[in-house]
C-alpha atoms as a PDB file:
ATOM      1  CA  UNK A   1      53.149  13.990  21.911  1.00  0.00           C
ATOM      2  CA  UNK A   2      53.863  17.472  20.677  1.00  0.00           C
ATOM      3  CA  UNK A   3      57.177  19.300  20.798  1.00  0.00           C
ATOM      4  CA  UNK A   4      57.955  20.927  24.176  1.00  0.00           C
ATOM      5  CA  UNK A   5      58.681  24.292  22.577  1.00  0.00           C
ATOM      6  CA  UNK A   6      55.210  24.326  21.031  1.00  0.00           C
ATOM      7  CA  UNK A   7      53.536  23.564  24.365  1.00  0.00           C
ATOM      8  CA  UNK A   8      55.372  26.250  26.359  1.00  0.00           C
ATOM      9  CA  UNK A   9      55.387  29.464  24.355  1.00  0.00           C
ATOM     10  CA  UNK A  10      57.298  31.749  26.738  1.00  0.00           C
ATOM     11  CA  UNK A  11      57.568  32.671  30.417  1.00  0.00           C
ATOM     12  CA  UNK A  12      55.163  35.304  31.736  1.00  0.00           C
ATOM     13  CA  UNK A  13      57.386  37.913  33.314  1.00  0.00           C
ATOM     14  CA  UNK A  14      55.050  40.204  35.226  1.00  0.00           C
ATOM     15  CA  UNK A  15      55.218  41.890  38.604  1.00  0.00           C
ATOM     16  CA  UNK A  16      52.807  39.382  40.100  1.00  0.00           C
ATOM     17  CA  UNK A  17      54.626  36.391  38.603  1.00  0.00           C
ATOM     18  CA  UNK A  18      58.052  37.608  39.751  1.00  0.00           C
ATOM     19  CA  UNK A  19      56.710  37.944  43.292  1.00  0.00           C
ATOM     20  CA  UNK A  20      55.811  34.251  43.208  1.00  0.00           C
ATOM     21  CA  UNK A  21      59.401  33.180  42.448  1.00  0.00           C
ATOM     22  CA  UNK A  22      60.074  33.178  46.204  1.00  0.00           C
ATOM     23  CA  UNK A  23      57.369  30.495  46.507  1.00  0.00           C
ATOM     24  CA  UNK A  24      59.052  28.499  43.698  1.00  0.00           C
ATOM     25  CA  UNK A  25      56.122  29.202  41.357  1.00  0.00           C
ATOM     26  CA  UNK A  26      56.783  30.103  37.725  1.00  0.00           C
ATOM     27  CA  UNK A  27      54.234  31.284  35.149  1.00  0.00           C
ATOM     28  CA  UNK A  28      54.327  30.343  31.463  1.00  0.00           C
ATOM     29  CA  UNK A  29      52.118  31.034  28.463  1.00  0.00           C
ATOM     30  CA  UNK A  30      51.088  27.685  27.024  1.00  0.00           C
ATOM     31  CA  UNK A  31      49.303  26.350  23.954  1.00  0.00           C
ATOM     32  CA  UNK A  32      45.485  26.515  24.099  1.00  0.00           C
ATOM     33  CA  UNK A  33      45.084  22.722  23.973  1.00  0.00           C
ATOM     34  CA  UNK A  34      47.874  21.856  26.437  1.00  0.00           C
ATOM     35  CA  UNK A  35      47.071  19.799  29.535  1.00  0.00           C
ATOM     36  CA  UNK A  36      48.767  19.581  32.928  1.00  0.00           C
ATOM     37  CA  UNK A  37      50.752  16.443  32.140  1.00  0.00           C
ATOM     38  CA  UNK A  38      51.969  17.859  28.833  1.00  0.00           C
ATOM     39  CA  UNK A  39      53.078  21.084  30.525  1.00  0.00           C
ATOM     40  CA  UNK A  40      54.908  19.175  33.284  1.00  0.00           C
ATOM     41  CA  UNK A  41      56.746  17.049  30.710  1.00  0.00           C
ATOM     42  CA  UNK A  42      57.618  20.113  28.611  1.00  0.00           C
ATOM     43  CA  UNK A  43      59.060  21.914  31.654  1.00  0.00           C
ATOM     44  CA  UNK A  44      61.204  18.866  32.389  1.00  0.00           C
ATOM     45  CA  UNK A  45      62.359  18.632  28.759  1.00  0.00           C
ATOM     46  CA  UNK A  46      63.297  22.315  28.518  1.00  0.00           C
ATOM     47  CA  UNK A  47      64.510  23.261  32.022  1.00  0.00           C
ATOM     48  CA  UNK A  48      65.501  19.818  33.440  1.00  0.00           C
ATOM     49  CA  UNK A  49      63.482  20.260  36.656  1.00  0.00           C
ATOM     50  CA  UNK A  50      60.494  18.157  37.644  1.00  0.00           C
ATOM     51  CA  UNK A  51      57.451  20.195  38.789  1.00  0.00           C
ATOM     52  CA  UNK A  52      55.528  19.112  41.874  1.00  0.00           C
ATOM     53  CA  UNK A  53      52.284  20.801  40.815  1.00  0.00           C
ATOM     54  CA  UNK A  54      50.852  22.504  37.717  1.00  0.00           C
ATOM     55  CA  UNK A  55      47.839  24.826  37.633  1.00  0.00           C
ATOM     56  CA  UNK A  56      46.343  25.903  34.296  1.00  0.00           C
ATOM     57  CA  UNK A  57      44.250  29.051  33.936  1.00  0.00           C
ATOM     58  CA  UNK A  58      42.421  30.549  30.989  1.00  0.00           C
ATOM     59  CA  UNK A  59      43.136  34.163  30.087  1.00  0.00           C
ATOM     60  CA  UNK A  60      39.866  35.715  28.896  1.00  0.00           C
ATOM     61  CA  UNK A  61      39.615  37.761  25.708  1.00  0.00           C
ATOM     62  CA  UNK A  62      38.933  41.431  26.373  1.00  0.00           C
ATOM     63  CA  UNK A  63      37.097  43.986  24.269  1.00  0.00           C
ATOM     64  CA  UNK A  64      39.075  47.158  23.638  1.00  0.00           C
ATOM     65  CA  UNK A  65      38.187  50.487  22.073  1.00  0.00           C
ATOM     66  CA  UNK A  66      41.124  52.351  20.511  1.00  0.00           C
ATOM     67  CA  UNK A  67      41.119  55.299  18.126  1.00  0.00           C
ATOM     68  CA  UNK A  68      37.431  54.939  17.402  1.00  0.00           C
ATOM     69  CA  UNK A  69      37.608  51.262  16.551  1.00  0.00           C
ATOM     70  CA  UNK A  70      36.526  48.228  18.491  1.00  0.00           C
ATOM     71  CA  UNK A  71      38.777  45.235  18.778  1.00  0.00           C
ATOM     72  CA  UNK A  72      39.616  42.194  20.839  1.00  0.00           C
ATOM     73  CA  UNK A  73      42.715  41.672  22.935  1.00  0.00           C
ATOM     74  CA  UNK A  74      44.558  38.415  23.409  1.00  0.00           C
ATOM     75  CA  UNK A  75      43.183  35.618  25.414  1.00  0.00           C
ATOM     76  CA  UNK A  76      44.820  32.243  25.759  1.00  0.00           C
ATOM     77  CA  UNK A  77      46.098  30.005  28.504  1.00  0.00           C
ATOM     78  CA  UNK A  78      48.744  30.218  31.210  1.00  0.00           C
ATOM     79  CA  UNK A  79      50.277  27.631  33.495  1.00  0.00           C
ATOM     80  CA  UNK A  80      51.693  28.125  36.973  1.00  0.00           C
ATOM     81  CA  UNK A  81      54.370  25.539  37.698  1.00  0.00           C
ATOM     82  CA  UNK A  82      55.468  24.791  41.270  1.00  0.00           C
ATOM     83  CA  UNK A  83      58.879  23.289  41.984  1.00  0.00           C
ATOM     84  CA  UNK A  84      60.238  21.446  45.002  1.00  0.00           C
ATOM     85  CA  UNK A  85      62.618  22.995  47.543  1.00  0.00           C
ATOM     86  CA  UNK A  86      66.033  23.660  46.050  1.00  0.00           C
ATOM     87  CA  UNK A  87      64.967  23.639  42.378  1.00  0.00           C
ATOM     88  CA  UNK A  88      64.805  26.838  40.363  1.00  0.00           C
ATOM     89  CA  UNK A  89      64.484  28.048  36.794  1.00  0.00           C
ATOM     90  CA  UNK A  90      66.685  30.833  35.440  1.00  0.00           C
ATOM     91  CA  UNK A  91      64.439  32.898  33.174  1.00  0.00           C
ATOM     92  CA  UNK A  92      66.865  35.734  32.487  1.00  0.00           C
END
């Protein structure tokens, strides 16, 4: 089992993700090889709350063209973690 801080890189604080806080859903950037069970255990280890559901989504790499040069942007993996009624995570 890997270290929890290596599985969960950081929370994804975006407008769409902050709108989901009312539904007790939190978004995190996770390691590319992380699975649902590893993410759930890492959330429990770091934030001391047990998730009820975990969804994992791939973030596709995107081609960009800046200042006359082509490049590639990001990519990776994100996890959306759902908590039960009454639980919450303080991200700020």
